[in-house]
Amino acid sequence: MNYFEFRQQLLQDSFTKDEEFHRLRKEDLRCAKAYEQAMAFEKTLKSAFGIKPPSNLKDSIVLRQATQHTVTRSIRNYAIAATVFLSFLIVSSVWYLKQPGSVEQFIAASIALESNVPMSEQPIALQEVKKVFAEFKTHVSDNIGEVRFIHDCHTPGGTGVHMVVATSQGPVTIYYMPKTNLKKDRIDFEIDDAKAVLVAMQQGSLAIVADTQQQLAAIEPMLQNNLHFL
């Protein structure tokens, strides 16, 4: 089991009893950090529903719970994704309204809350990726990479896109923020041990978070060349 497989297992079942999983958790610093963040997220998730959202947000969200005796894996993943998105939407909205700090702080908070989104085992179909970006009048070319997670998300100024792309060195998290304008064309920063960059786009901005500077260097031009604003 390598780091990427460890992360996949962490997303699928963070409470697994797999011996190899727990060996890496104890011996590999990156795995230990990912596990620590996942446990922190579980704690945050439990407390998220205790936060009172803004009245306009509360009126626009409908939460429906359904139970059934047999739950397929795909339905379970959908439920996890919906729960993560709803929790993050509430928490991040309240956070940004009460303390509208820098975009860097917002992204750091987002990463902490969304550290274990359920990534697809196979690349998500390009048409699905294009459909999500089309809502923001953005066209996606064919060379966008292996997208393993994509969903609408809250960003400073309005709704945007949260996407995870798989690379040979591990997953890279991307936020497209169509209503977020930066004071500079580019801002480099760090989130714990991760490398991050904010990039001004023709429309809004991008936030890219990766394990290494090499990943950032590879992903940034790919996004610049394959996102086109209508």
C-alpha atoms as a PDB file:
ATOM      1  CA  MET A   1       0.000   0.000   0.000  1.00  0.00           C
ATOM      2  CA  ASN A   2       1.406   3.386  -1.031  1.00  0.00           C
ATOM      3  CA  TYR A   3       0.392   6.888   0.059  1.00  0.00           C
ATOM      4  CA  PHE A   4      -2.235   7.297  -2.689  1.00  0.00           C
ATOM      5  CA  GLU A   5      -3.813   3.924  -1.827  1.00  0.00           C
ATOM      6  CA  PHE A   6      -3.731   4.918   1.844  1.00  0.00           C
ATOM      7  CA  ARG A   7      -5.660   8.098   0.988  1.00  0.00           C
ATOM      8  CA  GLN A   8      -8.192   6.092  -1.025  1.00  0.00           C
ATOM      9  CA  GLN A   9      -8.765   3.735   1.899  1.00  0.00           C
ATOM     10  CA  LEU A  10      -9.026   6.703   4.237  1.00  0.00           C
ATOM     11  CA  LEU A  11     -11.787   8.161   2.065  1.00  0.00           C
ATOM     12  CA  GLN A  12     -13.673   4.879   1.823  1.00  0.00           C
ATOM     13  CA  ASP A  13     -13.435   3.829   5.473  1.00  0.00           C
ATOM     14  CA  SER A  14     -11.357   5.878   7.892  1.00  0.00           C
ATOM     15  CA  PHE A  15     -12.120   3.363  10.670  1.00  0.00           C
ATOM     16  CA  THR A  16     -10.762   0.316   8.848  1.00  0.00           C
ATOM     17  CA  LYS A  17      -8.850  -2.318  10.826  1.00  0.00           C
ATOM     18  CA  ASP A  18      -6.532  -3.169   7.925  1.00  0.00           C
ATOM     19  CA  GLU A  19      -3.061  -3.881   9.365  1.00  0.00           C
ATOM     20  CA  GLU A  20      -1.111  -2.363   6.441  1.00  0.00           C
ATOM     21  CA  PHE A  21      -3.211   0.793   6.678  1.00  0.00           C
ATOM     22  CA  HIS A  22      -2.402   1.238  10.360  1.00  0.00           C
ATOM     23  CA  ARG A  23       1.272   0.394   9.837  1.00  0.00           C
ATOM     24  CA  LEU A  24       1.564   3.254   7.344  1.00  0.00           C
ATOM     25  CA  ARG A  25      -0.427   5.500   9.666  1.00  0.00           C
ATOM     26  CA  LYS A  26       2.228   4.991  12.333  1.00  0.00           C
ATOM     27  CA  GLU A  27       5.372   4.890  10.158  1.00  0.00           C
ATOM     28  CA  ASP A  28       4.745   7.303   7.263  1.00  0.00           C
ATOM     29  CA  LEU A  29       4.595  10.995   8.173  1.00  0.00           C
ATOM     30  CA  ARG A  30       2.362  11.934   5.223  1.00  0.00           C
ATOM     31  CA  CYS A  31      -0.061   9.124   6.034  1.00  0.00           C
ATOM     32  CA  ALA A  32      -0.075  10.101   9.690  1.00  0.00           C
ATOM     33  CA  LYS A  33      -0.856  13.700   8.722  1.00  0.00           C
ATOM     34  CA  ALA A  34      -3.672  12.649   6.383  1.00  0.00           C
ATOM     35  CA  TYR A  35      -5.153  10.413   9.085  1.00  0.00           C
ATOM     36  CA  GLU A  36      -4.950  13.211  11.649  1.00  0.00           C
ATOM     37  CA  GLN A  37      -6.744  15.592   9.263  1.00  0.00           C
ATOM     38  CA  ALA A  38      -9.423  12.984   8.525  1.00  0.00           C
ATOM     39  CA  MET A  39     -10.098  12.492  12.227  1.00  0.00           C
ATOM     40  CA  ALA A  40     -10.263  16.258  12.695  1.00  0.00           C
ATOM     41  CA  PHE A  41     -12.751  16.426   9.836  1.00  0.00           C
ATOM     42  CA  GLU A  42     -14.921  13.732  11.438  1.00  0.00           C
ATOM     43  CA  LYS A  43     -15.008  15.820  14.609  1.00  0.00           C
ATOM     44  CA  THR A  44     -15.800  18.979  12.625  1.00  0.00           C
ATOM     45  CA  LEU A  45     -18.527  17.189  10.697  1.00  0.00           C
ATOM     46  CA  LYS A  46     -20.238  16.105  13.905  1.00  0.00           C
ATOM     47  CA  SER A  47     -20.256  19.645  15.223  1.00  0.00           C
ATOM     48  CA  ALA A  48     -21.105  21.318  11.891  1.00  0.00           C
ATOM     49  CA  PHE A  49     -24.822  20.788  12.243  1.00  0.00           C
ATOM     50  CA  GLY A  50     -24.777  22.592  15.569  1.00  0.00           C
ATOM     51  CA  ILE A  51     -23.890  25.859  13.796  1.00  0.00           C
ATOM     52  CA  LYS A  52     -26.847  28.082  12.974  1.00  0.00           C
ATOM     53  CA  PRO A  53     -26.586  29.076   9.283  1.00  0.00           C
ATOM     54  CA  PRO A  54     -27.568  32.500   7.901  1.00  0.00           C
ATOM     55  CA  SER A  55     -31.341  32.765   7.421  1.00  0.00           C
ATOM     56  CA  ASN A  56     -31.136  33.036   3.621  1.00  0.00           C
ATOM     57  CA  LEU A  57     -28.956  29.911   3.439  1.00  0.00           C
ATOM     58  CA  LYS A  58     -31.214  28.020   5.787  1.00  0.00           C
ATOM     59  CA  ASP A  59     -34.250  28.715   3.588  1.00  0.00           C
ATOM     60  CA  SER A  60     -32.479  27.460   0.467  1.00  0.00           C
ATOM     61  CA  ILE A  61     -31.280  24.092   1.793  1.00  0.00           C
ATOM     62  CA  VAL A  62     -33.494  21.038   2.066  1.00  0.00           C
ATOM     63  CA  LEU A  63     -32.047  17.996   3.792  1.00  0.00           C
ATOM     64  CA  ARG A  64     -33.839  14.711   3.180  1.00  0.00           C
ATOM     65  CA  GLN A  65     -32.803  11.532   4.891  1.00  0.00           C
ATOM     66  CA  ALA A  66     -33.797   8.124   3.571  1.00  0.00           C
ATOM     67  CA  THR A  67     -33.140   4.673   5.002  1.00  0.00           C
ATOM     68  CA  GLN A  68     -33.153   1.278   3.338  1.00  0.00           C
ATOM     69  CA  HIS A  69     -32.008  -2.201   4.264  1.00  0.00           C
ATOM     70  CA  THR A  70     -29.507  -2.624   1.390  1.00  0.00           C
ATOM     71  CA  VAL A  71     -27.240   0.299   0.501  1.00  0.00           C
ATOM     72  CA  THR A  72     -25.076  -0.035  -2.580  1.00  0.00           C
ATOM     73  CA  ARG A  73     -21.568   1.399  -2.701  1.00  0.00           C
ATOM     74  CA  SER A  74     -22.522   4.092  -5.215  1.00  0.00           C
ATOM     75  CA  ILE A  75     -25.425   5.282  -3.065  1.00  0.00           C
ATOM     76  CA  ARG A  76     -23.148   5.362  -0.015  1.00  0.00           C
ATOM     77  CA  ASN A  77     -20.609   7.492  -1.881  1.00  0.00           C
ATOM     78  CA  TYR A  78     -23.344   9.857  -3.045  1.00  0.00           C
ATOM     79  CA  ALA A  79     -24.606  10.212   0.514  1.00  0.00           C
ATOM     80  CA  ILE A  80     -21.096  10.970   1.764  1.00  0.00           C
ATOM     81  CA  ALA A  81     -20.569  13.557  -0.970  1.00  0.00           C
ATOM     82  CA  ALA A  82     -23.910  15.213  -0.213  1.00  0.00           C
ATOM     83  CA  THR A  83     -23.191  15.308   3.517  1.00  0.00           C
ATOM     84  CA  VAL A  84     -19.699  16.723   3.019  1.00  0.00           C
ATOM     85  CA  PHE A  85     -20.990  19.376   0.631  1.00  0.00           C
ATOM     86  CA  LEU A  86     -23.891  20.407   2.874  1.00  0.00           C
ATOM     87  CA  SER A  87     -21.726  20.549   5.980  1.00  0.00           C
ATOM     88  CA  PHE A  88     -19.023  22.535   4.240  1.00  0.00           C
ATOM     89  CA  LEU A  89     -21.583  24.899   2.706  1.00  0.00           C
ATOM     90  CA  ILE A  90     -23.023  25.713   6.120  1.00  0.00           C
ATOM     91  CA  VAL A  91     -19.735  25.930   7.978  1.00  0.00           C
ATOM     92  CA  SER A  92     -17.820  27.882   5.339  1.00  0.00           C
ATOM     93  CA  SER A  93     -20.700  30.301   4.793  1.00  0.00           C
ATOM     94  CA  VAL A  94     -20.870  31.112   8.485  1.00  0.00           C
ATOM     95  CA  TRP A  95     -17.068  31.333   8.734  1.00  0.00           C
ATOM     96  CA  TYR A  96     -16.749  33.749   5.833  1.00  0.00           C
ATOM     97  CA  LEU A  97     -19.666  35.917   6.889  1.00  0.00           C
ATOM     98  CA  LYS A  98     -18.409  36.244  10.468  1.00  0.00           C
ATOM     99  CA  GLN A  99     -14.716  36.688   9.697  1.00  0.00           C
ATOM    100  CA  PRO A 100     -14.083  37.558   6.045  1.00  0.00           C
ATOM    101  CA  GLY A 101     -10.328  37.079   6.097  1.00  0.00           C
ATOM    102  CA  SER A 102      -7.960  36.530   3.211  1.00  0.00           C
ATOM    103  CA  VAL A 103      -8.603  34.078   0.404  1.00  0.00           C
ATOM    104  CA  GLU A 104      -5.627  32.073   1.680  1.00  0.00           C
ATOM    105  CA  GLN A 105      -7.367  31.634   5.039  1.00  0.00           C
ATOM    106  CA  PHE A 106     -10.568  30.598   3.338  1.00  0.00           C
ATOM    107  CA  ILE A 107      -8.779  27.934   1.276  1.00  0.00           C
ATOM    108  CA  ALA A 108      -6.968  26.637   4.369  1.00  0.00           C
ATOM    109  CA  ALA A 109     -10.315  26.291   6.151  1.00  0.00           C
ATOM    110  CA  SER A 110     -11.800  24.580   3.092  1.00  0.00           C
ATOM    111  CA  ILE A 111      -8.980  22.038   2.954  1.00  0.00           C
ATOM    112  CA  ALA A 112      -9.413  21.256   6.651  1.00  0.00           C
ATOM    113  CA  LEU A 113     -13.134  20.656   6.206  1.00  0.00           C
ATOM    114  CA  GLU A 114     -12.902  18.725   2.941  1.00  0.00           C
ATOM    115  CA  SER A 115      -9.810  16.610   3.508  1.00  0.00           C
ATOM    116  CA  ASN A 116     -11.599  13.307   2.834  1.00  0.00           C
ATOM    117  CA  VAL A 117     -14.053  13.819  -0.014  1.00  0.00           C
ATOM    118  CA  PRO A 118     -15.078  10.516  -1.686  1.00  0.00           C
ATOM    119  CA  MET A 119     -12.965  10.276  -4.835  1.00  0.00           C
ATOM    120  CA  SER A 120     -14.071   8.070  -7.720  1.00  0.00           C
ATOM    121  CA  GLU A 121     -11.993   4.959  -8.401  1.00  0.00           C
ATOM    122  CA  GLN A 122     -12.121   5.772 -12.115  1.00  0.00           C
ATOM    123  CA  PRO A 123     -11.739   9.163 -13.843  1.00  0.00           C
ATOM    124  CA  ILE A 124     -15.017  11.069 -14.000  1.00  0.00           C
ATOM    125  CA  ALA A 125     -16.398  11.392 -17.531  1.00  0.00           C
ATOM    126  CA  LEU A 126     -15.271  14.536 -19.320  1.00  0.00           C
ATOM    127  CA  GLN A 127     -18.877  15.423 -20.153  1.00  0.00           C
ATOM    128  CA  GLU A 128     -19.719  15.500 -16.455  1.00  0.00           C
ATOM    129  CA  VAL A 129     -16.755  17.768 -15.758  1.00  0.00           C
ATOM    130  CA  LYS A 130     -17.780  20.056 -18.608  1.00  0.00           C
ATOM    131  CA  LYS A 131     -21.352  20.162 -17.308  1.00  0.00           C
ATOM    132  CA  VAL A 132     -20.239  21.415 -13.884  1.00  0.00           C
ATOM    133  CA  PHE A 133     -17.994  24.143 -15.319  1.00  0.00           C
ATOM    134  CA  ALA A 134     -20.624  25.136 -17.894  1.00  0.00           C
ATOM    135  CA  GLU A 135     -22.787  26.414 -15.035  1.00  0.00           C
ATOM    136  CA  PHE A 136     -20.151  29.123 -14.584  1.00  0.00           C
ATOM    137  CA  LYS A 137     -19.857  29.922 -18.292  1.00  0.00           C
ATOM    138  CA  THR A 138     -16.525  28.126 -18.482  1.00  0.00           C
ATOM    139  CA  HIS A 139     -15.530  25.674 -21.219  1.00  0.00           C
ATOM    140  CA  VAL A 140     -13.215  22.751 -20.427  1.00  0.00           C
ATOM    141  CA  SER A 141     -10.867  21.314 -23.077  1.00  0.00           C
ATOM    142  CA  ASP A 142     -10.126  17.612 -23.359  1.00  0.00           C
ATOM    143  CA  ASN A 143      -6.778  17.676 -21.517  1.00  0.00           C
ATOM    144  CA  ILE A 144      -8.050  18.499 -18.043  1.00  0.00           C
ATOM    145  CA  GLY A 145      -6.439  15.438 -16.422  1.00  0.00           C
ATOM    146  CA  GLU A 146      -7.900  12.540 -14.411  1.00  0.00           C
ATOM    147  CA  VAL A 147     -10.680  14.174 -12.421  1.00  0.00           C
ATOM    148  CA  ARG A 148     -11.653  11.966  -9.470  1.00  0.00           C
ATOM    149  CA  PHE A 149     -13.990  14.369  -7.650  1.00  0.00           C
ATOM    150  CA  ILE A 150     -15.968  17.425  -8.755  1.00  0.00           C
ATOM    151  CA  HIS A 151     -18.790  19.318  -7.096  1.00  0.00           C
ATOM    152  CA  ASP A 152     -20.200  22.777  -6.599  1.00  0.00           C
ATOM    153  CA  CYS A 153     -18.820  24.489  -3.510  1.00  0.00           C
ATOM    154  CA  HIS A 154     -19.039  27.753  -1.577  1.00  0.00           C
ATOM    155  CA  THR A 155     -16.309  30.277  -2.402  1.00  0.00           C
ATOM    156  CA  PRO A 156     -15.767  33.922  -1.441  1.00  0.00           C
ATOM    157  CA  GLY A 157     -18.359  35.907  -3.372  1.00  0.00           C
ATOM    158  CA  GLY A 158     -20.525  32.976  -4.468  1.00  0.00           C
ATOM    159  CA  THR A 159     -20.624  29.384  -5.676  1.00  0.00           C
ATOM    160  CA  GLY A 160     -17.647  27.786  -7.439  1.00  0.00           C
ATOM    161  CA  VAL A 161     -16.134  24.401  -8.245  1.00  0.00           C
ATOM    162  CA  HIS A 162     -14.192  22.011  -6.013  1.00  0.00           C
ATOM    163  CA  MET A 163     -12.231  19.451  -8.049  1.00  0.00           C
ATOM    164  CA  VAL A 164      -9.606  16.802  -7.291  1.00  0.00           C
ATOM    165  CA  VAL A 165      -7.251  15.611 -10.048  1.00  0.00           C
ATOM    166  CA  ALA A 166      -5.195  12.424  -9.684  1.00  0.00           C
ATOM    167  CA  THR A 167      -1.508  12.617 -10.609  1.00  0.00           C
ATOM    168  CA  SER A 168       1.373  10.148 -10.417  1.00  0.00           C
ATOM    169  CA  GLN A 169       2.518  11.935  -7.250  1.00  0.00           C
ATOM    170  CA  GLY A 170      -0.886  11.949  -5.583  1.00  0.00           C
ATOM    171  CA  PRO A 171      -4.108  13.968  -5.681  1.00  0.00           C
ATOM    172  CA  VAL A 172      -4.200  17.729  -6.336  1.00  0.00           C
ATOM    173  CA  THR A 173      -7.083  19.815  -5.005  1.00  0.00           C
ATOM    174  CA  ILE A 174      -8.414  22.686  -7.119  1.00  0.00           C
ATOM    175  CA  TYR A 175     -10.962  25.388  -6.348  1.00  0.00           C
ATOM    176  CA  TYR A 176     -12.353  27.531  -9.146  1.00  0.00           C
ATOM    177  CA  MET A 177     -13.691  30.771  -7.638  1.00  0.00           C
ATOM    178  CA  PRO A 178     -15.528  32.732 -10.372  1.00  0.00           C
ATOM    179  CA  LYS A 179     -16.409  35.686  -8.110  1.00  0.00           C
ATOM    180  CA  THR A 180     -13.110  35.918  -6.226  1.00  0.00           C
ATOM    181  CA  ASN A 181     -10.713  38.582  -7.470  1.00  0.00           C
ATOM    182  CA  LEU A 182      -7.142  38.649  -6.187  1.00  0.00           C
ATOM    183  CA  LYS A 183      -5.022  41.656  -5.285  1.00  0.00           C
ATOM    184  CA  LYS A 184      -2.099  40.043  -7.137  1.00  0.00           C
ATOM    185  CA  ASP A 185      -1.859  37.859 -10.244  1.00  0.00           C
ATOM    186  CA  ARG A 186      -0.292  35.067  -8.210  1.00  0.00           C
ATOM    187  CA  ILE A 187       0.013  34.292  -4.483  1.00  0.00           C
ATOM    188  CA  ASP A 188       2.104  31.369  -3.203  1.00  0.00           C
ATOM    189  CA  PHE A 189       1.450  30.070   0.310  1.00  0.00           C
ATOM    190  CA  GLU A 190       1.475  26.883   2.384  1.00  0.00           C
ATOM    191  CA  ILE A 191      -1.157  24.936   4.298  1.00  0.00           C
ATOM    192  CA  ASP A 192       0.609  22.830   6.915  1.00  0.00           C
ATOM    193  CA  ASP A 193       2.917  20.621   4.794  1.00  0.00           C
ATOM    194  CA  ALA A 194       1.064  21.257   1.518  1.00  0.00           C
ATOM    195  CA  LYS A 195       2.035  23.730  -1.202  1.00  0.00           C
ATOM    196  CA  ALA A 196      -0.635  26.094  -2.484  1.00  0.00           C
ATOM    197  CA  VAL A 197      -1.053  28.881  -5.018  1.00  0.00           C
ATOM    198  CA  LEU A 198      -3.757  31.382  -5.920  1.00  0.00           C
ATOM    199  CA  VAL A 199      -3.845  32.333  -9.597  1.00  0.00           C
ATOM    200  CA  ALA A 200      -5.821  35.201 -11.122  1.00  0.00           C
ATOM    201  CA  MET A 201      -7.826  34.139 -14.174  1.00  0.00           C
ATOM    202  CA  GLN A 202      -9.630  36.095 -16.871  1.00  0.00           C
ATOM    203  CA  GLN A 203     -12.754  35.448 -14.812  1.00  0.00           C
ATOM    204  CA  GLY A 204     -12.257  34.962 -11.077  1.00  0.00           C
ATOM    205  CA  SER A 205      -9.364  32.911  -9.756  1.00  0.00           C
ATOM    206  CA  LEU A 206      -8.037  29.417  -9.043  1.00  0.00           C
ATOM    207  CA  ALA A 207      -6.666  27.888  -5.867  1.00  0.00           C
ATOM    208  CA  ILE A 208      -4.417  24.840  -6.302  1.00  0.00           C
ATOM    209  CA  VAL A 209      -3.237  22.722  -3.355  1.00  0.00           C
ATOM    210  CA  ALA A 210      -0.734  19.874  -3.763  1.00  0.00           C
ATOM    211  CA  ASP A 211       1.829  17.874  -1.826  1.00  0.00           C
ATOM    212  CA  THR A 212       4.813  19.183  -3.788  1.00  0.00           C
ATOM    213  CA  GLN A 213       5.938  22.184  -5.781  1.00  0.00           C
ATOM    214  CA  GLN A 214       6.452  19.885  -8.764  1.00  0.00           C
ATOM    215  CA  GLN A 215       2.755  19.005  -8.781  1.00  0.00           C
ATOM    216  CA  LEU A 216       1.822  22.684  -8.746  1.00  0.00           C
ATOM    217  CA  ALA A 217       4.223  23.392 -11.599  1.00  0.00           C
ATOM    218  CA  ALA A 218       2.590  20.663 -13.704  1.00  0.00           C
ATOM    219  CA  ILE A 219      -1.062  21.357 -12.885  1.00  0.00           C
ATOM    220  CA  GLU A 220      -1.097  25.161 -13.115  1.00  0.00           C
ATOM    221  CA  PRO A 221      -0.286  25.499 -16.860  1.00  0.00           C
ATOM    222  CA  MET A 222      -2.634  22.593 -17.636  1.00  0.00           C
ATOM    223  CA  LEU A 223      -5.513  24.475 -16.007  1.00  0.00           C
ATOM    224  CA  GLN A 224      -4.513  27.763 -17.605  1.00  0.00           C
ATOM    225  CA  ASN A 225      -4.536  26.144 -21.060  1.00  0.00           C
ATOM    226  CA  ASN A 226      -7.726  24.104 -20.681  1.00  0.00           C
ATOM    227  CA  LEU A 227     -10.205  26.417 -18.962  1.00  0.00           C
ATOM    228  CA  HIS A 228     -11.765  28.923 -21.336  1.00  0.00           C
ATOM    229  CA  PHE A 229     -14.204  31.618 -20.257  1.00  0.00           C
ATOM    230  CA  LEU A 230     -17.215  32.303 -22.458  1.00  0.00           C
END
